[in-house]
Amino acid sequence: MGETFRQTVHLLMGVIGAGIILHLNDRWAFVFLSTVLVAVFLLCDAFTRGYDVPVFSQVFDETERQGKIPLKGAIAYSAGALFCLAVFGREYAAVGLVTVGVLGSVSTLIGVRFGRHVLRGKKSLEGTAAGAAAAAFALTLLLPWWAAVVVAGVAGVIEAYFPLDDNMAIQIGACVTLAAVGVIATGL
């Protein structure tokens, strides 16, 4: 399974997370994301200490990259969503989650298989373009098409060039971009 399974989990975290917080009120969305963050942190601690956690250990073994801090990406993913919720609101946080879930997954899967033109490190033009296109398409369910294209384009640049954890940076970048173009004010 390896990377394909890992990226499927990444995609589902974003899309399902967005769906959940859009169906909750502000308080319960905050409670949900806070609970996810605490749970992921506790799982990270358990795995770091060598504990076997039924069900989660098997998923962890299939999704984590070797030699990395356990669940670092999931912690950044959760913290990014919680930050976007606190600063921008539920609708923005949902856009951030869909963007990071779709863009990150598609860019990795396409880049690994078809990437020929390196942008930075392991990031390829082909992966970034495919990820941004897929994210734009997914975001049209939440935003006008032109706003979806702008958000996905900016997020693609962040994913390709930002040197730190993109699981958090893509979400925050998507929310800041969305705030800059003022789409949410017109309603989702």
N, C-alpha and C. Protein backbone atom coordinates (compact mmCIF):
# COMPACT_ATOMS: atom_id res chain seq x y z
N MET A 1 0.83 -1.19 0.00
CA MET A 1 0.00 0.00 0.00
C MET A 1 0.86 1.25 0.00
N GLY A 2 1.59 1.50 1.06
CA GLY A 2 2.54 2.59 1.13
C GLY A 2 1.98 3.96 0.87
N GLU A 3 2.60 4.65 -0.08
CA GLU A 3 2.30 6.06 -0.34
C GLU A 3 0.88 6.29 -0.84
N THR A 4 0.35 5.37 -1.63
CA THR A 4 -1.02 5.54 -2.12
C THR A 4 -2.01 5.52 -0.96
N PHE A 5 -1.85 4.58 -0.05
CA PHE A 5 -2.73 4.52 1.12
C PHE A 5 -2.56 5.76 1.99
N ARG A 6 -1.33 6.18 2.18
CA ARG A 6 -1.03 7.37 2.97
C ARG A 6 -1.72 8.59 2.39
N GLN A 7 -1.64 8.75 1.09
CA GLN A 7 -2.26 9.91 0.45
C GLN A 7 -3.78 9.82 0.43
N THR A 8 -4.31 8.62 0.40
CA THR A 8 -5.77 8.45 0.49
C THR A 8 -6.25 8.90 1.86
N VAL A 9 -5.53 8.53 2.91
CA VAL A 9 -5.87 8.98 4.26
C VAL A 9 -5.77 10.50 4.34
N HIS A 10 -4.72 11.06 3.75
CA HIS A 10 -4.52 12.52 3.72
C HIS A 10 -5.70 13.22 3.06
N LEU A 11 -6.13 12.70 1.94
CA LEU A 11 -7.26 13.26 1.20
C LEU A 11 -8.54 13.18 2.03
N LEU A 12 -8.80 12.00 2.59
CA LEU A 12 -10.02 11.81 3.36
C LEU A 12 -10.05 12.66 4.62
N MET A 13 -8.90 12.86 5.26
CA MET A 13 -8.85 13.73 6.44
C MET A 13 -9.35 15.13 6.09
N GLY A 14 -8.93 15.65 4.96
CA GLY A 14 -9.34 16.99 4.56
C GLY A 14 -10.81 17.07 4.19
N VAL A 15 -11.26 16.17 3.35
CA VAL A 15 -12.63 16.23 2.84
C VAL A 15 -13.64 15.90 3.94
N ILE A 16 -13.39 14.83 4.68
CA ILE A 16 -14.32 14.45 5.76
C ILE A 16 -14.29 15.49 6.88
N GLY A 17 -13.09 15.96 7.22
CA GLY A 17 -12.98 17.00 8.25
C GLY A 17 -13.76 18.25 7.88
N ALA A 18 -13.66 18.66 6.62
CA ALA A 18 -14.40 19.84 6.15
C ALA A 18 -15.90 19.61 6.25
N GLY A 19 -16.34 18.43 5.83
CA GLY A 19 -17.77 18.12 5.92
C GLY A 19 -18.28 18.15 7.34
N ILE A 20 -17.50 17.62 8.26
CA ILE A 20 -17.92 17.60 9.66
C ILE A 20 -18.02 19.01 10.22
N ILE A 21 -17.00 19.82 10.02
CA ILE A 21 -17.07 21.16 10.65
C ILE A 21 -18.12 22.05 9.99
N LEU A 22 -18.44 21.80 8.73
CA LEU A 22 -19.50 22.58 8.09
C LEU A 22 -20.89 22.22 8.64
N HIS A 23 -21.01 21.03 9.20
CA HIS A 23 -22.30 20.60 9.74
C HIS A 23 -22.43 20.84 11.25
N LEU A 24 -21.40 21.41 11.85
CA LEU A 24 -21.43 21.73 13.27
C LEU A 24 -21.54 23.24 13.45
N ASN A 25 -22.00 23.66 14.62
CA ASN A 25 -21.95 25.10 14.89
C ASN A 25 -20.51 25.44 15.29
N ASP A 26 -20.25 26.72 15.50
CA ASP A 26 -18.88 27.16 15.79
C ASP A 26 -18.29 26.48 17.02
N ARG A 27 -19.05 26.40 18.08
CA ARG A 27 -18.54 25.80 19.32
C ARG A 27 -18.19 24.33 19.11
N TRP A 28 -19.08 23.57 18.51
CA TRP A 28 -18.84 22.15 18.33
C TRP A 28 -17.76 21.88 17.29
N ALA A 29 -17.60 22.76 16.33
CA ALA A 29 -16.49 22.63 15.38
C ALA A 29 -15.16 22.81 16.12
N PHE A 30 -15.13 23.78 17.03
CA PHE A 30 -13.93 23.99 17.85
C PHE A 30 -13.65 22.78 18.73
N VAL A 31 -14.69 22.25 19.37
CA VAL A 31 -14.54 21.06 20.21
C VAL A 31 -14.03 19.88 19.38
N PHE A 32 -14.60 19.69 18.20
CA PHE A 32 -14.19 18.58 17.33
C PHE A 32 -12.71 18.70 16.96
N LEU A 33 -12.29 19.85 16.44
CA LEU A 33 -10.89 20.01 16.01
C LEU A 33 -9.93 19.96 17.19
N SER A 34 -10.33 20.50 18.33
CA SER A 34 -9.47 20.41 19.53
C SER A 34 -9.30 18.97 19.96
N THR A 35 -10.38 18.21 19.92
CA THR A 35 -10.33 16.79 20.29
C THR A 35 -9.42 16.01 19.34
N VAL A 36 -9.54 16.29 18.06
CA VAL A 36 -8.68 15.62 17.07
C VAL A 36 -7.22 15.95 17.35
N LEU A 37 -6.91 17.21 17.60
CA LEU A 37 -5.54 17.61 17.87
C LEU A 37 -4.98 16.91 19.11
N VAL A 38 -5.75 16.88 20.18
CA VAL A 38 -5.30 16.22 21.41
C VAL A 38 -5.13 14.72 21.17
N ALA A 39 -6.07 14.10 20.49
CA ALA A 39 -5.99 12.66 20.23
C ALA A 39 -4.76 12.32 19.38
N VAL A 40 -4.50 13.11 18.36
CA VAL A 40 -3.34 12.85 17.50
C VAL A 40 -2.04 13.05 18.28
N PHE A 41 -2.00 14.07 19.12
CA PHE A 41 -0.82 14.29 19.95
C PHE A 41 -0.58 13.11 20.89
N LEU A 42 -1.65 12.63 21.53
CA LEU A 42 -1.52 11.49 22.44
C LEU A 42 -1.08 10.23 21.70
N LEU A 43 -1.60 10.01 20.50
CA LEU A 43 -1.16 8.87 19.69
C LEU A 43 0.32 9.01 19.33
N CYS A 44 0.74 10.22 18.98
CA CYS A 44 2.15 10.48 18.69
C CYS A 44 3.01 10.11 19.88
N ASP A 45 2.59 10.53 21.05
CA ASP A 45 3.34 10.23 22.27
C ASP A 45 3.39 8.72 22.51
N ALA A 46 2.26 8.04 22.33
CA ALA A 46 2.22 6.59 22.53
C ALA A 46 3.15 5.87 21.55
N PHE A 47 3.12 6.26 20.29
CA PHE A 47 3.97 5.61 19.28
C PHE A 47 5.45 5.90 19.55
N THR A 48 5.75 7.13 19.97
CA THR A 48 7.13 7.50 20.27
C THR A 48 7.67 6.65 21.43
N ARG A 49 6.80 6.32 22.37
CA ARG A 49 7.20 5.52 23.53
C ARG A 49 7.13 4.02 23.26
N GLY A 50 6.73 3.64 22.04
CA GLY A 50 6.72 2.23 21.66
C GLY A 50 5.47 1.46 22.02
N TYR A 51 4.40 2.14 22.38
CA TYR A 51 3.15 1.45 22.71
C TYR A 51 2.45 0.97 21.44
N ASP A 52 1.75 -0.13 21.57
CA ASP A 52 0.91 -0.65 20.50
C ASP A 52 -0.53 -0.25 20.81
N VAL A 53 -1.13 0.51 19.92
CA VAL A 53 -2.50 0.97 20.11
C VAL A 53 -3.37 0.24 19.08
N PRO A 54 -4.27 -0.64 19.53
CA PRO A 54 -5.08 -1.42 18.59
C PRO A 54 -5.71 -0.55 17.51
N VAL A 55 -5.74 -1.03 16.31
CA VAL A 55 -6.25 -0.40 15.09
C VAL A 55 -5.34 0.73 14.64
N PHE A 56 -5.06 1.69 15.52
CA PHE A 56 -4.25 2.84 15.15
C PHE A 56 -2.81 2.45 14.80
N SER A 57 -2.27 1.48 15.48
CA SER A 57 -0.89 1.06 15.19
C SER A 57 -0.78 0.50 13.78
N GLN A 58 -1.78 -0.26 13.34
CA GLN A 58 -1.75 -0.82 11.99
C GLN A 58 -1.86 0.29 10.95
N VAL A 59 -2.77 1.22 11.16
CA VAL A 59 -2.91 2.36 10.23
C VAL A 59 -1.62 3.17 10.23
N PHE A 60 -1.06 3.40 11.41
CA PHE A 60 0.19 4.14 11.54
C PHE A 60 1.30 3.47 10.74
N ASP A 61 1.42 2.14 10.87
CA ASP A 61 2.46 1.41 10.16
C ASP A 61 2.31 1.54 8.64
N GLU A 62 1.09 1.68 8.17
CA GLU A 62 0.84 1.79 6.73
C GLU A 62 0.97 3.22 6.19
N THR A 63 0.83 4.21 7.07
CA THR A 63 0.77 5.59 6.58
C THR A 63 1.97 6.46 6.91
N GLU A 64 2.73 6.13 7.92
CA GLU A 64 3.84 7.00 8.31
C GLU A 64 5.10 6.70 7.52
N ARG A 65 5.81 7.74 7.17
CA ARG A 65 7.10 7.60 6.51
C ARG A 65 8.15 7.25 7.55
N GLN A 66 9.04 6.36 7.20
CA GLN A 66 10.08 5.92 8.12
C GLN A 66 11.05 7.06 8.42
N GLY A 67 11.52 7.11 9.67
CA GLY A 67 12.50 8.10 10.06
C GLY A 67 11.95 9.47 10.36
N LYS A 68 10.63 9.62 10.40
CA LYS A 68 10.00 10.91 10.69
C LYS A 68 9.38 10.88 12.08
N ILE A 69 9.10 12.03 12.62
CA ILE A 69 8.40 12.12 13.90
C ILE A 69 7.00 11.55 13.68
N PRO A 70 6.59 10.60 14.52
CA PRO A 70 5.27 9.98 14.33
C PRO A 70 4.14 10.99 14.36
N LEU A 71 3.31 10.95 13.33
CA LEU A 71 2.11 11.77 13.22
C LEU A 71 2.37 13.27 13.21
N LYS A 72 3.57 13.70 12.89
CA LYS A 72 3.88 15.14 12.81
C LYS A 72 2.97 15.82 11.80
N GLY A 73 2.77 15.19 10.65
CA GLY A 73 1.90 15.77 9.63
C GLY A 73 0.46 15.89 10.11
N ALA A 74 -0.03 14.89 10.83
CA ALA A 74 -1.40 14.93 11.34
C ALA A 74 -1.56 16.00 12.41
N ILE A 75 -0.52 16.20 13.21
CA ILE A 75 -0.57 17.26 14.22
C ILE A 75 -0.61 18.62 13.53
N ALA A 76 0.23 18.82 12.52
CA ALA A 76 0.24 20.08 11.77
C ALA A 76 -1.09 20.29 11.05
N TYR A 77 -1.63 19.23 10.48
CA TYR A 77 -2.92 19.26 9.79
C TYR A 77 -4.01 19.75 10.75
N SER A 78 -4.07 19.13 11.94
CA SER A 78 -5.08 19.47 12.93
C SER A 78 -4.88 20.87 13.48
N ALA A 79 -3.63 21.24 13.78
CA ALA A 79 -3.35 22.58 14.31
C ALA A 79 -3.68 23.65 13.27
N GLY A 80 -3.37 23.38 12.01
CA GLY A 80 -3.70 24.33 10.94
C GLY A 80 -5.20 24.54 10.83
N ALA A 81 -5.96 23.46 10.90
CA ALA A 81 -7.42 23.57 10.83
C ALA A 81 -7.98 24.33 12.02
N LEU A 82 -7.45 24.05 13.20
CA LEU A 82 -7.90 24.73 14.40
C LEU A 82 -7.57 26.23 14.33
N PHE A 83 -6.38 26.56 13.84
CA PHE A 83 -6.00 27.97 13.68
C PHE A 83 -6.95 28.67 12.70
N CYS A 84 -7.20 28.04 11.55
CA CYS A 84 -8.09 28.63 10.55
C CYS A 84 -9.50 28.83 11.11
N LEU A 85 -9.97 27.87 11.88
CA LEU A 85 -11.29 27.99 12.50
C LEU A 85 -11.31 29.17 13.47
N ALA A 86 -10.30 29.27 14.32
CA ALA A 86 -10.27 30.34 15.33
C ALA A 86 -10.13 31.73 14.70
N VAL A 87 -9.32 31.84 13.66
CA VAL A 87 -9.04 33.15 13.08
C VAL A 87 -10.05 33.55 12.00
N PHE A 88 -10.46 32.57 11.18
CA PHE A 88 -11.28 32.90 10.00
C PHE A 88 -12.72 32.38 10.07
N GLY A 89 -12.98 31.32 10.80
CA GLY A 89 -14.33 30.76 10.88
C GLY A 89 -14.44 29.41 10.18
N ARG A 90 -15.61 28.77 10.38
CA ARG A 90 -15.82 27.41 9.87
C ARG A 90 -15.71 27.29 8.36
N GLU A 91 -16.31 28.21 7.63
CA GLU A 91 -16.31 28.11 6.18
C GLU A 91 -14.88 28.19 5.62
N TYR A 92 -14.10 29.10 6.17
CA TYR A 92 -12.70 29.23 5.76
C TYR A 92 -11.92 27.96 6.11
N ALA A 93 -12.12 27.47 7.34
CA ALA A 93 -11.41 26.26 7.77
C ALA A 93 -11.75 25.09 6.85
N ALA A 94 -13.00 24.99 6.42
CA ALA A 94 -13.40 23.92 5.50
C ALA A 94 -12.68 24.05 4.17
N VAL A 95 -12.56 25.27 3.67
CA VAL A 95 -11.83 25.50 2.42
C VAL A 95 -10.36 25.10 2.60
N GLY A 96 -9.77 25.47 3.74
CA GLY A 96 -8.39 25.08 4.01
C GLY A 96 -8.20 23.59 4.05
N LEU A 97 -9.13 22.88 4.69
CA LEU A 97 -9.04 21.42 4.80
C LEU A 97 -9.18 20.74 3.44
N VAL A 98 -10.15 21.17 2.65
CA VAL A 98 -10.32 20.58 1.31
C VAL A 98 -9.08 20.86 0.47
N THR A 99 -8.56 22.08 0.55
CA THR A 99 -7.39 22.44 -0.24
C THR A 99 -6.19 21.58 0.11
N VAL A 100 -5.86 21.47 1.40
CA VAL A 100 -4.68 20.69 1.78
C VAL A 100 -4.89 19.21 1.50
N GLY A 101 -6.10 18.71 1.72
CA GLY A 101 -6.36 17.30 1.49
C GLY A 101 -6.20 16.91 0.02
N VAL A 102 -6.85 17.65 -0.85
CA VAL A 102 -6.82 17.32 -2.28
C VAL A 102 -5.48 17.69 -2.90
N LEU A 103 -5.02 18.91 -2.68
CA LEU A 103 -3.77 19.37 -3.28
C LEU A 103 -2.59 18.50 -2.86
N GLY A 104 -2.47 18.27 -1.55
CA GLY A 104 -1.34 17.49 -1.05
C GLY A 104 -1.33 16.07 -1.60
N SER A 105 -2.48 15.43 -1.62
CA SER A 105 -2.57 14.04 -2.07
C SER A 105 -2.30 13.91 -3.57
N VAL A 106 -3.00 14.70 -4.35
CA VAL A 106 -2.87 14.58 -5.81
C VAL A 106 -1.48 14.99 -6.26
N SER A 107 -0.94 16.07 -5.70
CA SER A 107 0.40 16.51 -6.13
C SER A 107 1.45 15.45 -5.83
N THR A 108 1.33 14.79 -4.68
CA THR A 108 2.29 13.75 -4.35
C THR A 108 2.15 12.54 -5.28
N LEU A 109 0.93 12.05 -5.44
CA LEU A 109 0.73 10.85 -6.26
C LEU A 109 1.11 11.07 -7.72
N ILE A 110 0.73 12.20 -8.28
CA ILE A 110 1.07 12.49 -9.68
C ILE A 110 2.55 12.82 -9.81
N GLY A 111 3.07 13.59 -8.87
CA GLY A 111 4.48 13.96 -8.92
C GLY A 111 5.41 12.77 -8.84
N VAL A 112 5.10 11.82 -7.96
CA VAL A 112 5.95 10.63 -7.83
C VAL A 112 5.92 9.80 -9.11
N ARG A 113 4.76 9.70 -9.71
CA ARG A 113 4.62 8.84 -10.90
C ARG A 113 5.03 9.53 -12.20
N PHE A 114 4.65 10.79 -12.37
CA PHE A 114 4.83 11.46 -13.65
C PHE A 114 5.75 12.69 -13.60
N GLY A 115 6.21 13.07 -12.43
CA GLY A 115 7.01 14.28 -12.29
C GLY A 115 8.35 14.20 -13.01
N ARG A 116 8.60 15.14 -13.88
CA ARG A 116 9.86 15.20 -14.63
C ARG A 116 10.59 16.53 -14.46
N HIS A 117 9.83 17.58 -14.15
CA HIS A 117 10.41 18.92 -14.03
C HIS A 117 10.41 19.34 -12.57
N VAL A 118 11.57 19.27 -11.94
CA VAL A 118 11.69 19.55 -10.51
C VAL A 118 11.58 21.05 -10.24
N LEU A 119 10.72 21.39 -9.28
CA LEU A 119 10.60 22.78 -8.85
C LEU A 119 11.50 23.05 -7.64
N ARG A 120 11.42 22.14 -6.65
CA ARG A 120 12.23 22.26 -5.44
C ARG A 120 12.21 20.90 -4.74
N GLY A 121 13.35 20.40 -4.40
CA GLY A 121 13.43 19.12 -3.70
C GLY A 121 12.74 18.01 -4.47
N LYS A 122 11.71 17.42 -3.86
CA LYS A 122 10.94 16.36 -4.51
C LYS A 122 9.67 16.88 -5.17
N LYS A 123 9.48 18.18 -5.17
CA LYS A 123 8.27 18.79 -5.73
C LYS A 123 8.46 18.99 -7.23
N SER A 124 7.47 18.51 -8.02
CA SER A 124 7.57 18.62 -9.47
C SER A 124 6.48 19.54 -10.02
N LEU A 125 6.75 20.08 -11.19
CA LEU A 125 5.77 20.91 -11.89
C LEU A 125 4.51 20.11 -12.18
N GLU A 126 4.69 18.88 -12.63
CA GLU A 126 3.54 18.04 -12.99
C GLU A 126 2.66 17.74 -11.77
N GLY A 127 3.29 17.40 -10.65
CA GLY A 127 2.54 17.12 -9.44
C GLY A 127 1.83 18.35 -8.91
N THR A 128 2.54 19.47 -8.88
CA THR A 128 1.96 20.71 -8.38
C THR A 128 0.79 21.16 -9.25
N ALA A 129 0.96 21.10 -10.57
CA ALA A 129 -0.12 21.52 -11.48
C ALA A 129 -1.34 20.61 -11.34
N ALA A 130 -1.12 19.30 -11.26
CA ALA A 130 -2.23 18.36 -11.10
C ALA A 130 -2.93 18.57 -9.75
N GLY A 131 -2.14 18.77 -8.70
CA GLY A 131 -2.72 19.00 -7.37
C GLY A 131 -3.54 20.28 -7.31
N ALA A 132 -3.01 21.35 -7.91
CA ALA A 132 -3.74 22.62 -7.93
C ALA A 132 -5.02 22.51 -8.76
N ALA A 133 -4.96 21.82 -9.88
CA ALA A 133 -6.15 21.63 -10.72
C ALA A 133 -7.21 20.82 -9.98
N ALA A 134 -6.80 19.75 -9.32
CA ALA A 134 -7.74 18.91 -8.57
C ALA A 134 -8.34 19.69 -7.40
N ALA A 135 -7.52 20.47 -6.71
CA ALA A 135 -8.02 21.27 -5.60
C ALA A 135 -9.02 22.32 -6.10
N ALA A 136 -8.70 22.96 -7.21
CA ALA A 136 -9.62 23.96 -7.77
C ALA A 136 -10.97 23.31 -8.10
N PHE A 137 -10.91 22.14 -8.71
CA PHE A 137 -12.14 21.43 -9.05
C PHE A 137 -12.95 21.12 -7.79
N ALA A 138 -12.30 20.59 -6.77
CA ALA A 138 -12.98 20.25 -5.51
C ALA A 138 -13.54 21.50 -4.84
N LEU A 139 -12.80 22.59 -4.89
CA LEU A 139 -13.24 23.82 -4.23
C LEU A 139 -14.43 24.48 -4.90
N THR A 140 -14.71 24.11 -6.15
CA THR A 140 -15.89 24.68 -6.81
C THR A 140 -17.18 24.23 -6.14
N LEU A 141 -17.10 23.21 -5.29
CA LEU A 141 -18.27 22.81 -4.51
C LEU A 141 -18.54 23.80 -3.37
N LEU A 142 -17.52 24.59 -3.02
CA LEU A 142 -17.65 25.53 -1.90
C LEU A 142 -17.55 26.99 -2.32
N LEU A 143 -16.94 27.25 -3.47
CA LEU A 143 -16.63 28.62 -3.88
C LEU A 143 -16.99 28.85 -5.35
N PRO A 144 -17.12 30.12 -5.75
CA PRO A 144 -17.23 30.40 -7.18
C PRO A 144 -15.98 29.88 -7.90
N TRP A 145 -16.11 29.49 -9.15
CA TRP A 145 -15.00 28.85 -9.87
C TRP A 145 -13.74 29.70 -9.87
N TRP A 146 -13.89 31.01 -10.06
CA TRP A 146 -12.70 31.87 -10.15
C TRP A 146 -11.97 31.95 -8.81
N ALA A 147 -12.72 31.96 -7.70
CA ALA A 147 -12.09 31.99 -6.39
C ALA A 147 -11.40 30.65 -6.11
N ALA A 148 -12.03 29.56 -6.54
CA ALA A 148 -11.43 28.24 -6.37
C ALA A 148 -10.09 28.16 -7.10
N VAL A 149 -10.03 28.71 -8.29
CA VAL A 149 -8.79 28.70 -9.08
C VAL A 149 -7.71 29.55 -8.40
N VAL A 150 -8.08 30.72 -7.90
CA VAL A 150 -7.10 31.59 -7.22
C VAL A 150 -6.57 30.91 -5.96
N VAL A 151 -7.47 30.39 -5.13
CA VAL A 151 -7.06 29.74 -3.88
C VAL A 151 -6.16 28.54 -4.18
N ALA A 152 -6.57 27.70 -5.11
CA ALA A 152 -5.78 26.50 -5.45
C ALA A 152 -4.44 26.88 -6.05
N GLY A 153 -4.40 27.92 -6.87
CA GLY A 153 -3.13 28.36 -7.46
C GLY A 153 -2.14 28.84 -6.42
N VAL A 154 -2.62 29.68 -5.50
CA VAL A 154 -1.74 30.16 -4.43
C VAL A 154 -1.30 28.99 -3.55
N ALA A 155 -2.22 28.11 -3.23
CA ALA A 155 -1.89 26.95 -2.40
C ALA A 155 -0.87 26.05 -3.09
N GLY A 156 -0.97 25.92 -4.41
CA GLY A 156 0.01 25.14 -5.17
C GLY A 156 1.41 25.72 -5.06
N VAL A 157 1.51 27.03 -5.13
CA VAL A 157 2.81 27.69 -4.97
C VAL A 157 3.35 27.45 -3.56
N ILE A 158 2.48 27.56 -2.56
CA ILE A 158 2.91 27.30 -1.18
C ILE A 158 3.39 25.87 -1.04
N GLU A 159 2.62 24.92 -1.57
CA GLU A 159 2.98 23.50 -1.47
C GLU A 159 4.33 23.22 -2.11
N ALA A 160 4.59 23.87 -3.22
CA ALA A 160 5.83 23.62 -3.96
C ALA A 160 7.05 24.32 -3.36
N TYR A 161 6.86 25.49 -2.80
CA TYR A 161 8.02 26.30 -2.42
C TYR A 161 8.19 26.60 -0.93
N PHE A 162 7.15 26.46 -0.12
CA PHE A 162 7.28 26.78 1.29
C PHE A 162 8.16 25.71 1.94
N PRO A 163 9.22 26.13 2.64
CA PRO A 163 10.19 25.15 3.13
C PRO A 163 9.78 24.39 4.40
N LEU A 164 8.73 24.84 5.09
CA LEU A 164 8.31 24.19 6.32
C LEU A 164 7.08 23.32 6.06
N ASP A 165 6.45 22.82 7.11
CA ASP A 165 5.35 21.86 6.97
C ASP A 165 4.19 22.42 6.16
N ASP A 166 3.92 21.80 5.01
CA ASP A 166 2.87 22.31 4.15
C ASP A 166 1.47 21.91 4.61
N ASN A 167 1.34 20.95 5.52
CA ASN A 167 0.02 20.57 6.03
C ASN A 167 -0.65 21.73 6.77
N MET A 168 0.15 22.57 7.38
CA MET A 168 -0.38 23.74 8.05
C MET A 168 -0.37 24.95 7.11
N ALA A 169 0.73 25.13 6.40
CA ALA A 169 0.91 26.31 5.56
C ALA A 169 -0.12 26.41 4.44
N ILE A 170 -0.48 25.29 3.83
CA ILE A 170 -1.47 25.33 2.75
C ILE A 170 -2.82 25.80 3.27
N GLN A 171 -3.23 25.30 4.42
CA GLN A 171 -4.52 25.71 4.98
C GLN A 171 -4.55 27.20 5.30
N ILE A 172 -3.51 27.67 5.97
CA ILE A 172 -3.46 29.08 6.33
C ILE A 172 -3.37 29.95 5.08
N GLY A 173 -2.55 29.52 4.12
CA GLY A 173 -2.45 30.26 2.86
C GLY A 173 -3.77 30.32 2.11
N ALA A 174 -4.52 29.22 2.12
CA ALA A 174 -5.82 29.21 1.45
C ALA A 174 -6.78 30.17 2.13
N CYS A 175 -6.77 30.20 3.45
CA CYS A 175 -7.66 31.09 4.19
C CYS A 175 -7.29 32.56 3.99
N VAL A 176 -6.00 32.86 4.04
CA VAL A 176 -5.55 34.24 3.83
C VAL A 176 -5.92 34.68 2.41
N THR A 177 -5.70 33.81 1.44
CA THR A 177 -6.05 34.15 0.05
C THR A 177 -7.53 34.40 -0.08
N LEU A 178 -8.32 33.53 0.51
CA LEU A 178 -9.77 33.67 0.46
C LEU A 178 -10.22 34.98 1.11
N ALA A 179 -9.61 35.33 2.24
CA ALA A 179 -9.93 36.59 2.90
C ALA A 179 -9.55 37.77 2.01
N ALA A 180 -8.41 37.65 1.31
CA ALA A 180 -7.96 38.73 0.44
C ALA A 180 -8.92 38.96 -0.72
N VAL A 181 -9.49 37.90 -1.26
CA VAL A 181 -10.42 38.10 -2.39
C VAL A 181 -11.84 38.32 -1.92
N GLY A 182 -12.10 38.15 -0.62
CA GLY A 182 -13.38 38.51 -0.03
C GLY A 182 -14.57 37.68 -0.45
N VAL A 183 -14.37 36.42 -0.79
CA VAL A 183 -15.48 35.60 -1.29
C VAL A 183 -16.45 35.19 -0.20
N ILE A 184 -15.95 34.87 0.96
CA ILE A 184 -16.83 34.36 2.01
C ILE A 184 -17.88 35.41 2.39
N ALA A 185 -17.52 36.67 2.29
CA ALA A 185 -18.46 37.73 2.64
C ALA A 185 -19.73 37.63 1.79
N THR A 186 -19.62 37.09 0.59
CA THR A 186 -20.79 36.95 -0.28
C THR A 186 -21.56 35.67 0.03
N GLY A 187 -21.02 34.86 0.91
CA GLY A 187 -21.69 33.63 1.33
C GLY A 187 -21.22 32.42 0.56
N LEU A 188 -21.16 31.30 1.26
CA LEU A 188 -20.80 30.04 0.62
C LEU A 188 -22.02 29.38 0.06
